[in-house]
Amino acid sequence: MTEISNAHKIWLAVQQIPAGRVATYGQVADLAGLPGAARLVGNTMHKLPEGSQLPWHRVVNAQGKLSLPEGSAGYREQKLRLESEGIVFKGPRIPLVDYRWLL
């Protein structure tokens, strides 16, 4: 039997997040069977291959904020992608009570 790498487990979890919803790094870690590994999720997402079709933009921090530096090209891209899916920001945050994907 072949063991699936942690990165692959994380990617499979992220792939399940539906449009118009977000998940926190901790939720993704739990779904991937890696409880307590939110930082690993962040590091893995940071290393996604160029041109990946994974919905990386749907992963946010526990406060509902984007983790990329505000004002960066990546931040703007993530925010635009989320807004195009109907997610409304309240200041720099996404109200998780409204948009968090419930597992």
PDB file of N, CA and C in Angstrom:
ATOM      1  N   MET A   1       0.840  -1.173   0.000  1.00  0.00           N
ATOM      2  CA  MET A   1       0.000   0.000   0.000  1.00  0.00           C
ATOM      3  C   MET A   1       0.890   1.243   0.000  1.00  0.00           C
ATOM      4  N   THR A   2       0.564   2.209  -0.829  1.00  0.00           N
ATOM      5  CA  THR A   2       1.332   3.441  -0.926  1.00  0.00           C
ATOM      6  C   THR A   2       0.774   4.468   0.049  1.00  0.00           C
ATOM      7  N   GLU A   3       1.646   5.071   0.826  1.00  0.00           N
ATOM      8  CA  GLU A   3       1.213   6.101   1.769  1.00  0.00           C
ATOM      9  C   GLU A   3       1.121   7.433   1.039  1.00  0.00           C
ATOM     10  N   ILE A   4       0.053   8.158   1.287  1.00  0.00           N
ATOM     11  CA  ILE A   4      -0.141   9.469   0.670  1.00  0.00           C
ATOM     12  C   ILE A   4       0.656  10.501   1.476  1.00  0.00           C
ATOM     13  N   SER A   5       1.371  11.367   0.789  1.00  0.00           N
ATOM     14  CA  SER A   5       2.156  12.392   1.483  1.00  0.00           C
ATOM     15  C   SER A   5       1.225  13.390   2.174  1.00  0.00           C
ATOM     16  N   ASN A   6       1.770  14.061   3.171  1.00  0.00           N
ATOM     17  CA  ASN A   6       0.987  15.081   3.869  1.00  0.00           C
ATOM     18  C   ASN A   6       0.540  16.178   2.918  1.00  0.00           C
ATOM     19  N   ALA A   7       1.407  16.572   2.001  1.00  0.00           N
ATOM     20  CA  ALA A   7       1.044  17.610   1.030  1.00  0.00           C
ATOM     21  C   ALA A   7      -0.153  17.160   0.199  1.00  0.00           C
ATOM     22  N   HIS A   8      -0.136  15.921  -0.235  1.00  0.00           N
ATOM     23  CA  HIS A   8      -1.243  15.407  -1.051  1.00  0.00           C
ATOM     24  C   HIS A   8      -2.538  15.382  -0.238  1.00  0.00           C
ATOM     25  N   LYS A   9      -2.451  14.999   1.034  1.00  0.00           N
ATOM     26  CA  LYS A   9      -3.631  14.997   1.912  1.00  0.00           C
ATOM     27  C   LYS A   9      -4.202  16.411   2.038  1.00  0.00           C
ATOM     28  N   ILE A  10      -3.313  17.382   2.184  1.00  0.00           N
ATOM     29  CA  ILE A  10      -3.737  18.780   2.307  1.00  0.00           C
ATOM     30  C   ILE A  10      -4.390  19.244   1.013  1.00  0.00           C
ATOM     31  N   TRP A  11      -3.773  18.929  -0.115  1.00  0.00           N
ATOM     32  CA  TRP A  11      -4.345  19.336  -1.405  1.00  0.00           C
ATOM     33  C   TRP A  11      -5.715  18.713  -1.623  1.00  0.00           C
ATOM     34  N   LEU A  12      -5.881  17.451  -1.234  1.00  0.00           N
ATOM     35  CA  LEU A  12      -7.180  16.788  -1.379  1.00  0.00           C
ATOM     36  C   LEU A  12      -8.240  17.473  -0.513  1.00  0.00           C
ATOM     37  N   ALA A  13      -7.853  17.900   0.682  1.00  0.00           N
ATOM     38  CA  ALA A  13      -8.787  18.601   1.565  1.00  0.00           C
ATOM     39  C   ALA A  13      -9.184  19.950   0.980  1.00  0.00           C
ATOM     40  N   VAL A  14      -8.217  20.705   0.492  1.00  0.00           N
ATOM     41  CA  VAL A  14      -8.491  22.029  -0.073  1.00  0.00           C
ATOM     42  C   VAL A  14      -9.397  21.907  -1.301  1.00  0.00           C
ATOM     43  N   GLN A  15      -9.194  20.881  -2.065  1.00  0.00           N
ATOM     44  CA  GLN A  15      -9.979  20.662  -3.281  1.00  0.00           C
ATOM     45  C   GLN A  15     -11.474  20.533  -2.971  1.00  0.00           C
ATOM     46  N   GLN A  16     -11.818  20.123  -1.764  1.00  0.00           N
ATOM     47  CA  GLN A  16     -13.210  19.912  -1.392  1.00  0.00           C
ATOM     48  C   GLN A  16     -13.953  21.180  -0.979  1.00  0.00           C
ATOM     49  N   ILE A  17     -13.243  22.264  -0.713  1.00  0.00           N
ATOM     50  CA  ILE A  17     -13.894  23.491  -0.244  1.00  0.00           C
ATOM     51  C   ILE A  17     -14.741  24.054  -1.384  1.00  0.00           C
ATOM     52  N   PRO A  18     -16.046  24.186  -1.172  1.00  0.00           N
ATOM     53  CA  PRO A  18     -16.910  24.656  -2.257  1.00  0.00           C
ATOM     54  C   PRO A  18     -16.764  26.155  -2.525  1.00  0.00           C
ATOM     55  N   ALA A  19     -17.091  26.561  -3.731  1.00  0.00           N
ATOM     56  CA  ALA A  19     -17.091  27.981  -4.100  1.00  0.00           C
ATOM     57  C   ALA A  19     -18.038  28.730  -3.177  1.00  0.00           C
ATOM     58  N   GLY A  20     -17.640  29.940  -2.804  1.00  0.00           N
ATOM     59  CA  GLY A  20     -18.469  30.761  -1.930  1.00  0.00           C
ATOM     60  C   GLY A  20     -18.295  30.448  -0.454  1.00  0.00           C
ATOM     61  N   ARG A  21     -17.357  29.561  -0.134  1.00  0.00           N
ATOM     62  CA  ARG A  21     -17.060  29.193   1.254  1.00  0.00           C
ATOM     63  C   ARG A  21     -15.557  29.272   1.473  1.00  0.00           C
ATOM     64  N   VAL A  22     -15.166  29.415   2.731  1.00  0.00           N
ATOM     65  CA  VAL A  22     -13.753  29.389   3.082  1.00  0.00           C
ATOM     66  C   VAL A  22     -13.542  28.379   4.201  1.00  0.00           C
ATOM     67  N   ALA A  23     -12.316  27.943   4.358  1.00  0.00           N
ATOM     68  CA  ALA A  23     -11.918  27.084   5.466  1.00  0.00           C
ATOM     69  C   ALA A  23     -10.648  27.664   6.064  1.00  0.00           C
ATOM     70  N   THR A  24     -10.485  27.465   7.340  1.00  0.00           N
ATOM     71  CA  THR A  24      -9.269  27.931   7.999  1.00  0.00           C
ATOM     72  C   THR A  24      -8.162  26.901   7.812  1.00  0.00           C
ATOM     73  N   TYR A  25      -6.946  27.336   8.062  1.00  0.00           N
ATOM     74  CA  TYR A  25      -5.808  26.427   7.977  1.00  0.00           C
ATOM     75  C   TYR A  25      -6.006  25.243   8.923  1.00  0.00           C
ATOM     76  N   GLY A  26      -6.544  25.513  10.105  1.00  0.00           N
ATOM     77  CA  GLY A  26      -6.792  24.452  11.068  1.00  0.00           C
ATOM     78  C   GLY A  26      -7.841  23.464  10.596  1.00  0.00           C
ATOM     79  N   GLN A  27      -8.900  23.958   9.966  1.00  0.00           N
ATOM     80  CA  GLN A  27      -9.927  23.074   9.416  1.00  0.00           C
ATOM     81  C   GLN A  27      -9.332  22.157   8.355  1.00  0.00           C
ATOM     82  N   VAL A  28      -8.515  22.733   7.480  1.00  0.00           N
ATOM     83  CA  VAL A  28      -7.892  21.941   6.420  1.00  0.00           C
ATOM     84  C   VAL A  28      -7.008  20.863   7.036  1.00  0.00           C
ATOM     85  N   ALA A  29      -6.251  21.233   8.061  1.00  0.00           N
ATOM     86  CA  ALA A  29      -5.392  20.250   8.729  1.00  0.00           C
ATOM     87  C   ALA A  29      -6.232  19.109   9.307  1.00  0.00           C
ATOM     88  N   ASP A  30      -7.331  19.451   9.958  1.00  0.00           N
ATOM     89  CA  ASP A  30      -8.209  18.426  10.531  1.00  0.00           C
ATOM     90  C   ASP A  30      -8.769  17.515   9.443  1.00  0.00           C
ATOM     91  N   LEU A  31      -9.249  18.113   8.372  1.00  0.00           N
ATOM     92  CA  LEU A  31      -9.832  17.342   7.278  1.00  0.00           C
ATOM     93  C   LEU A  31      -8.793  16.426   6.627  1.00  0.00           C
ATOM     94  N   ALA A  32      -7.553  16.876   6.605  1.00  0.00           N
ATOM     95  CA  ALA A  32      -6.470  16.090   6.008  1.00  0.00           C
ATOM     96  C   ALA A  32      -5.961  15.002   6.961  1.00  0.00           C
ATOM     97  N   GLY A  33      -6.536  14.937   8.153  1.00  0.00           N
ATOM     98  CA  GLY A  33      -6.084  13.951   9.118  1.00  0.00           C
ATOM     99  C   GLY A  33      -4.802  14.358   9.817  1.00  0.00           C
ATOM    100  N   LEU A  34      -4.563  15.665   9.874  1.00  0.00           N
ATOM    101  CA  LEU A  34      -3.345  16.203  10.479  1.00  0.00           C
ATOM    102  C   LEU A  34      -3.702  17.244  11.545  1.00  0.00           C
ATOM    103  N   PRO A  35      -4.458  16.847  12.574  1.00  0.00           N
ATOM    104  CA  PRO A  35      -4.892  17.827  13.576  1.00  0.00           C
ATOM    105  C   PRO A  35      -3.712  18.564  14.203  1.00  0.00           C
ATOM    106  N   GLY A  36      -3.900  19.866  14.391  1.00  0.00           N
ATOM    107  CA  GLY A  36      -2.846  20.679  14.993  1.00  0.00           C
ATOM    108  C   GLY A  36      -1.763  21.106  14.026  1.00  0.00           C
ATOM    109  N   ALA A  37      -1.930  20.817  12.749  1.00  0.00           N
ATOM    110  CA  ALA A  37      -0.884  21.111  11.762  1.00  0.00           C
ATOM    111  C   ALA A  37      -1.247  22.285  10.849  1.00  0.00           C
ATOM    112  N   ALA A  38      -1.869  23.321  11.416  1.00  0.00           N
ATOM    113  CA  ALA A  38      -2.254  24.487  10.613  1.00  0.00           C
ATOM    114  C   ALA A  38      -1.041  25.127   9.929  1.00  0.00           C
ATOM    115  N   ARG A  39       0.083  25.186  10.622  1.00  0.00           N
ATOM    116  CA  ARG A  39       1.294  25.780  10.017  1.00  0.00           C
ATOM    117  C   ARG A  39       1.785  24.951   8.834  1.00  0.00           C
ATOM    118  N   LEU A  40       1.679  23.646   8.953  1.00  0.00           N
ATOM    119  CA  LEU A  40       2.061  22.780   7.840  1.00  0.00           C
ATOM    120  C   LEU A  40       1.175  23.062   6.628  1.00  0.00           C
ATOM    121  N   VAL A  41      -0.110  23.281   6.877  1.00  0.00           N
ATOM    122  CA  VAL A  41      -1.024  23.624   5.781  1.00  0.00           C
ATOM    123  C   VAL A  41      -0.562  24.920   5.123  1.00  0.00           C
ATOM    124  N   GLY A  42      -0.253  25.928   5.922  1.00  0.00           N
ATOM    125  CA  GLY A  42       0.223  27.200   5.380  1.00  0.00           C
ATOM    126  C   GLY A  42       1.485  27.041   4.555  1.00  0.00           C
ATOM    127  N   ASN A  43       2.434  26.286   5.073  1.00  0.00           N
ATOM    128  CA  ASN A  43       3.687  26.068   4.340  1.00  0.00           C
ATOM    129  C   ASN A  43       3.448  25.303   3.051  1.00  0.00           C
ATOM    130  N   THR A  44       2.565  24.325   3.100  1.00  0.00           N
ATOM    131  CA  THR A  44       2.262  23.532   1.909  1.00  0.00           C
ATOM    132  C   THR A  44       1.559  24.387   0.859  1.00  0.00           C
ATOM    133  N   MET A  45       0.636  25.227   1.286  1.00  0.00           N
ATOM    134  CA  MET A  45      -0.078  26.083   0.348  1.00  0.00           C
ATOM    135  C   MET A  45       0.881  27.092  -0.295  1.00  0.00           C
ATOM    136  N   HIS A  46       1.851  27.546   0.475  1.00  0.00           N
ATOM    137  CA  HIS A  46       2.838  28.502  -0.037  1.00  0.00           C
ATOM    138  C   HIS A  46       3.677  27.895  -1.163  1.00  0.00           C
ATOM    139  N   LYS A  47       3.814  26.574  -1.145  1.00  0.00           N
ATOM    140  CA  LYS A  47       4.653  25.884  -2.124  1.00  0.00           C
ATOM    141  C   LYS A  47       3.860  25.262  -3.273  1.00  0.00           C
ATOM    142  N   LEU A  48       2.624  25.697  -3.471  1.00  0.00           N
ATOM    143  CA  LEU A  48       1.831  25.147  -4.578  1.00  0.00           C
ATOM    144  C   LEU A  48       2.542  25.376  -5.907  1.00  0.00           C
ATOM    145  N   PRO A  49       2.483  24.409  -6.792  1.00  0.00           N
ATOM    146  CA  PRO A  49       3.107  24.591  -8.108  1.00  0.00           C
ATOM    147  C   PRO A  49       2.442  25.746  -8.881  1.00  0.00           C
ATOM    148  N   GLU A  50       3.231  26.443  -9.648  1.00  0.00           N
ATOM    149  CA  GLU A  50       2.739  27.538 -10.494  1.00  0.00           C
ATOM    150  C   GLU A  50       1.619  27.015 -11.394  1.00  0.00           C
ATOM    151  N   GLY A  51       0.538  27.780 -11.485  1.00  0.00           N
ATOM    152  CA  GLY A  51      -0.564  27.404 -12.362  1.00  0.00           C
ATOM    153  C   GLY A  51      -1.495  26.346 -11.782  1.00  0.00           C
ATOM    154  N   SER A  52      -1.345  26.044 -10.495  1.00  0.00           N
ATOM    155  CA  SER A  52      -2.193  25.044  -9.855  1.00  0.00           C
ATOM    156  C   SER A  52      -3.668  25.444  -9.969  1.00  0.00           C
ATOM    157  N   GLN A  53      -4.517  24.472 -10.179  1.00  0.00           N
ATOM    158  CA  GLN A  53      -5.961  24.717 -10.258  1.00  0.00           C
ATOM    159  C   GLN A  53      -6.636  24.534  -8.898  1.00  0.00           C
ATOM    160  N   LEU A  54      -5.868  24.273  -7.867  1.00  0.00           N
ATOM    161  CA  LEU A  54      -6.401  24.092  -6.521  1.00  0.00           C
ATOM    162  C   LEU A  54      -7.011  25.417  -6.038  1.00  0.00           C
ATOM    163  N   PRO A  55      -8.172  25.389  -5.388  1.00  0.00           N
ATOM    164  CA  PRO A  55      -8.782  26.641  -4.920  1.00  0.00           C
ATOM    165  C   PRO A  55      -8.108  27.171  -3.645  1.00  0.00           C
ATOM    166  N   TRP A  56      -6.838  27.463  -3.749  1.00  0.00           N
ATOM    167  CA  TRP A  56      -6.019  27.937  -2.633  1.00  0.00           C
ATOM    168  C   TRP A  56      -6.599  29.193  -1.994  1.00  0.00           C
ATOM    169  N   HIS A  57      -7.301  29.978  -2.787  1.00  0.00           N
ATOM    170  CA  HIS A  57      -7.814  31.259  -2.302  1.00  0.00           C
ATOM    171  C   HIS A  57      -8.902  31.094  -1.246  1.00  0.00           C
ATOM    172  N   ARG A  58      -9.429  29.891  -1.087  1.00  0.00           N
ATOM    173  CA  ARG A  58     -10.502  29.640  -0.120  1.00  0.00           C
ATOM    174  C   ARG A  58      -9.978  29.288   1.271  1.00  0.00           C
ATOM    175  N   VAL A  59      -8.679  29.355   1.468  1.00  0.00           N
ATOM    176  CA  VAL A  59      -8.089  29.044   2.773  1.00  0.00           C
ATOM    177  C   VAL A  59      -7.651  30.359   3.427  1.00  0.00           C
ATOM    178  N   VAL A  60      -8.159  30.587   4.642  1.00  0.00           N
ATOM    179  CA  VAL A  60      -7.887  31.834   5.373  1.00  0.00           C
ATOM    180  C   VAL A  60      -7.453  31.503   6.796  1.00  0.00           C
ATOM    181  N   ASN A  61      -6.998  32.519   7.519  1.00  0.00           N
ATOM    182  CA  ASN A  61      -6.572  32.252   8.894  1.00  0.00           C
ATOM    183  C   ASN A  61      -7.778  32.197   9.834  1.00  0.00           C
ATOM    184  N   ALA A  62      -7.530  31.865  11.074  1.00  0.00           N
ATOM    185  CA  ALA A  62      -8.598  31.629  12.050  1.00  0.00           C
ATOM    186  C   ALA A  62      -9.419  32.880  12.360  1.00  0.00           C
ATOM    187  N   GLN A  63      -8.890  34.055  12.046  1.00  0.00           N
ATOM    188  CA  GLN A  63      -9.643  35.297  12.247  1.00  0.00           C
ATOM    189  C   GLN A  63     -10.431  35.708  11.012  1.00  0.00           C
ATOM    190  N   GLY A  64     -10.353  34.892   9.957  1.00  0.00           N
ATOM    191  CA  GLY A  64     -11.050  35.240   8.720  1.00  0.00           C
ATOM    192  C   GLY A  64     -10.278  36.217   7.858  1.00  0.00           C
ATOM    193  N   LYS A  65      -8.997  36.360   8.130  1.00  0.00           N
ATOM    194  CA  LYS A  65      -8.157  37.271   7.352  1.00  0.00           C
ATOM    195  C   LYS A  65      -7.335  36.489   6.334  1.00  0.00           C
ATOM    196  N   LEU A  66      -6.946  37.174   5.277  1.00  0.00           N
ATOM    197  CA  LEU A  66      -6.033  36.602   4.292  1.00  0.00           C
ATOM    198  C   LEU A  66      -4.631  36.659   4.889  1.00  0.00           C
ATOM    199  N   SER A  67      -3.852  35.634   4.662  1.00  0.00           N
ATOM    200  CA  SER A  67      -2.529  35.562   5.284  1.00  0.00           C
ATOM    201  C   SER A  67      -1.425  36.198   4.449  1.00  0.00           C
ATOM    202  N   LEU A  68      -1.711  36.488   3.207  1.00  0.00           N
ATOM    203  CA  LEU A  68      -0.713  37.149   2.360  1.00  0.00           C
ATOM    204  C   LEU A  68      -0.567  38.605   2.789  1.00  0.00           C
ATOM    205  N   PRO A  69       0.582  39.216   2.543  1.00  0.00           N
ATOM    206  CA  PRO A  69       0.770  40.620   2.939  1.00  0.00           C
ATOM    207  C   PRO A  69      -0.244  41.528   2.235  1.00  0.00           C
ATOM    208  N   GLU A  70      -0.952  42.314   3.035  1.00  0.00           N
ATOM    209  CA  GLU A  70      -1.948  43.228   2.480  1.00  0.00           C
ATOM    210  C   GLU A  70      -1.275  44.163   1.480  1.00  0.00           C
ATOM    211  N   GLY A  71      -1.897  44.337   0.336  1.00  0.00           N
ATOM    212  CA  GLY A  71      -1.338  45.185  -0.706  1.00  0.00           C
ATOM    213  C   GLY A  71      -0.491  44.431  -1.712  1.00  0.00           C
ATOM    214  N   SER A  72      -0.141  43.182  -1.426  1.00  0.00           N
ATOM    215  CA  SER A  72       0.650  42.396  -2.376  1.00  0.00           C
ATOM    216  C   SER A  72      -0.232  41.910  -3.523  1.00  0.00           C
ATOM    217  N   ALA A  73       0.386  41.525  -4.611  1.00  0.00           N
ATOM    218  CA  ALA A  73      -0.359  41.015  -5.763  1.00  0.00           C
ATOM    219  C   ALA A  73      -1.150  39.760  -5.383  1.00  0.00           C
ATOM    220  N   GLY A  74      -0.552  38.883  -4.578  1.00  0.00           N
ATOM    221  CA  GLY A  74      -1.228  37.669  -4.142  1.00  0.00           C
ATOM    222  C   GLY A  74      -2.444  37.974  -3.288  1.00  0.00           C
ATOM    223  N   TYR A  75      -2.329  38.964  -2.410  1.00  0.00           N
ATOM    224  CA  TYR A  75      -3.448  39.385  -1.557  1.00  0.00           C
ATOM    225  C   TYR A  75      -4.597  39.877  -2.435  1.00  0.00           C
ATOM    226  N   ARG A  76      -4.266  40.744  -3.374  1.00  0.00           N
ATOM    227  CA  ARG A  76      -5.305  41.296  -4.265  1.00  0.00           C
ATOM    228  C   ARG A  76      -5.969  40.187  -5.069  1.00  0.00           C
ATOM    229  N   GLU A  77      -5.174  39.241  -5.576  1.00  0.00           N
ATOM    230  CA  GLU A  77      -5.735  38.135  -6.356  1.00  0.00           C
ATOM    231  C   GLU A  77      -6.658  37.278  -5.497  1.00  0.00           C
ATOM    232  N   GLN A  78      -6.230  36.950  -4.283  1.00  0.00           N
ATOM    233  CA  GLN A  78      -7.061  36.124  -3.409  1.00  0.00           C
ATOM    234  C   GLN A  78      -8.375  36.848  -3.086  1.00  0.00           C
ATOM    235  N   LYS A  79      -8.287  38.110  -2.756  1.00  0.00           N
ATOM    236  CA  LYS A  79      -9.493  38.864  -2.411  1.00  0.00           C
ATOM    237  C   LYS A  79     -10.444  38.938  -3.607  1.00  0.00           C
ATOM    238  N   LEU A  80      -9.915  39.212  -4.784  1.00  0.00           N
ATOM    239  CA  LEU A  80     -10.766  39.284  -5.986  1.00  0.00           C
ATOM    240  C   LEU A  80     -11.431  37.946  -6.283  1.00  0.00           C
ATOM    241  N   ARG A  81     -10.682  36.848  -6.140  1.00  0.00           N
ATOM    242  CA  ARG A  81     -11.263  35.525  -6.382  1.00  0.00           C
ATOM    243  C   ARG A  81     -12.396  35.243  -5.403  1.00  0.00           C
ATOM    244  N   LEU A  82     -12.182  35.565  -4.137  1.00  0.00           N
ATOM    245  CA  LEU A  82     -13.217  35.322  -3.137  1.00  0.00           C
ATOM    246  C   LEU A  82     -14.445  36.189  -3.396  1.00  0.00           C
ATOM    247  N   GLU A  83     -14.223  37.460  -3.696  1.00  0.00           N
ATOM    248  CA  GLU A  83     -15.345  38.357  -3.986  1.00  0.00           C
ATOM    249  C   GLU A  83     -16.114  37.899  -5.219  1.00  0.00           C
ATOM    250  N   SER A  84     -15.410  37.356  -6.204  1.00  0.00           N
ATOM    251  CA  SER A  84     -16.098  36.874  -7.412  1.00  0.00           C
ATOM    252  C   SER A  84     -16.978  35.663  -7.115  1.00  0.00           C
ATOM    253  N   GLU A  85     -16.727  34.998  -5.988  1.00  0.00           N
ATOM    254  CA  GLU A  85     -17.551  33.857  -5.560  1.00  0.00           C
ATOM    255  C   GLU A  85     -18.657  34.293  -4.603  1.00  0.00           C
ATOM    256  N   GLY A  86     -18.784  35.608  -4.396  1.00  0.00           N
ATOM    257  CA  GLY A  86     -19.861  36.125  -3.562  1.00  0.00           C
ATOM    258  C   GLY A  86     -19.503  36.389  -2.114  1.00  0.00           C
ATOM    259  N   ILE A  87     -18.251  36.230  -1.755  1.00  0.00           N
ATOM    260  CA  ILE A  87     -17.836  36.472  -0.370  1.00  0.00           C
ATOM    261  C   ILE A  87     -17.652  37.971  -0.158  1.00  0.00           C
ATOM    262  N   VAL A  88     -18.256  38.478   0.917  1.00  0.00           N
ATOM    263  CA  VAL A  88     -18.203  39.903   1.239  1.00  0.00           C
ATOM    264  C   VAL A  88     -17.308  40.097   2.457  1.00  0.00           C
ATOM    265  N   PHE A  89     -16.337  40.974   2.316  1.00  0.00           N
ATOM    266  CA  PHE A  89     -15.417  41.288   3.402  1.00  0.00           C
ATOM    267  C   PHE A  89     -16.019  42.386   4.278  1.00  0.00           C
ATOM    268  N   LYS A  90     -15.740  42.302   5.571  1.00  0.00           N
ATOM    269  CA  LYS A  90     -16.064  43.377   6.510  1.00  0.00           C
ATOM    270  C   LYS A  90     -14.726  43.917   6.970  1.00  0.00           C
ATOM    271  N   GLY A  91     -14.285  44.993   6.345  1.00  0.00           N
ATOM    272  CA  GLY A  91     -12.938  45.484   6.585  1.00  0.00           C
ATOM    273  C   GLY A  91     -11.966  44.463   6.015  1.00  0.00           C
ATOM    274  N   PRO A  92     -10.935  44.095   6.789  1.00  0.00           N
ATOM    275  CA  PRO A  92      -9.960  43.110   6.283  1.00  0.00           C
ATOM    276  C   PRO A  92     -10.359  41.654   6.541  1.00  0.00           C
ATOM    277  N   ARG A  93     -11.551  41.443   7.100  1.00  0.00           N
ATOM    278  CA  ARG A  93     -11.960  40.096   7.502  1.00  0.00           C
ATOM    279  C   ARG A  93     -13.151  39.573   6.711  1.00  0.00           C
ATOM    280  N   ILE A  94     -13.200  38.257   6.656  1.00  0.00           N
ATOM    281  CA  ILE A  94     -14.367  37.562   6.138  1.00  0.00           C
ATOM    282  C   ILE A  94     -15.148  37.098   7.356  1.00  0.00           C
ATOM    283  N   PRO A  95     -16.431  37.438   7.460  1.00  0.00           N
ATOM    284  CA  PRO A  95     -17.193  36.950   8.620  1.00  0.00           C
ATOM    285  C   PRO A  95     -17.358  35.434   8.527  1.00  0.00           C
ATOM    286  N   LEU A  96     -16.565  34.728   9.313  1.00  0.00           N
ATOM    287  CA  LEU A  96     -16.572  33.267   9.252  1.00  0.00           C
ATOM    288  C   LEU A  96     -17.932  32.683   9.585  1.00  0.00           C
ATOM    289  N   VAL A  97     -18.699  33.369  10.412  1.00  0.00           N
ATOM    290  CA  VAL A  97     -20.032  32.879  10.752  1.00  0.00           C
ATOM    291  C   VAL A  97     -20.913  32.770   9.499  1.00  0.00           C
ATOM    292  N   ASP A  98     -20.625  33.588   8.492  1.00  0.00           N
ATOM    293  CA  ASP A  98     -21.408  33.578   7.252  1.00  0.00           C
ATOM    294  C   ASP A  98     -20.821  32.693   6.159  1.00  0.00           C
ATOM    295  N   TYR A  99     -19.487  32.589   6.109  1.00  0.00           N
ATOM    296  CA  TYR A  99     -18.837  31.956   4.958  1.00  0.00           C
ATOM    297  C   TYR A  99     -17.985  30.741   5.266  1.00  0.00           C
ATOM    298  N   ARG A 100     -17.819  30.415   6.528  1.00  0.00           N
ATOM    299  CA  ARG A 100     -16.978  29.268   6.877  1.00  0.00           C
ATOM    300  C   ARG A 100     -17.640  27.983   6.420  1.00  0.00           C
ATOM    301  N   TRP A 101     -16.829  27.159   5.788  1.00  0.00           N
ATOM    302  CA  TRP A 101     -17.319  25.848   5.340  1.00  0.00           C
ATOM    303  C   TRP A 101     -17.409  24.948   6.553  1.00  0.00           C
ATOM    304  N   LEU A 102     -18.595  24.488   6.840  1.00  0.00           N
ATOM    305  CA  LEU A 102     -18.794  23.622   8.000  1.00  0.00           C
ATOM    306  C   LEU A 102     -18.508  22.185   7.621  1.00  0.00           C
ATOM    307  N   LEU A 103     -17.628  21.581   8.353  1.00  0.00           N
ATOM    308  CA  LEU A 103     -17.255  20.189   8.090  1.00  0.00           C
ATOM    309  C   LEU A 103     -18.258  19.256   8.724  1.00  0.00           C
TER     310      LEU A 103
END
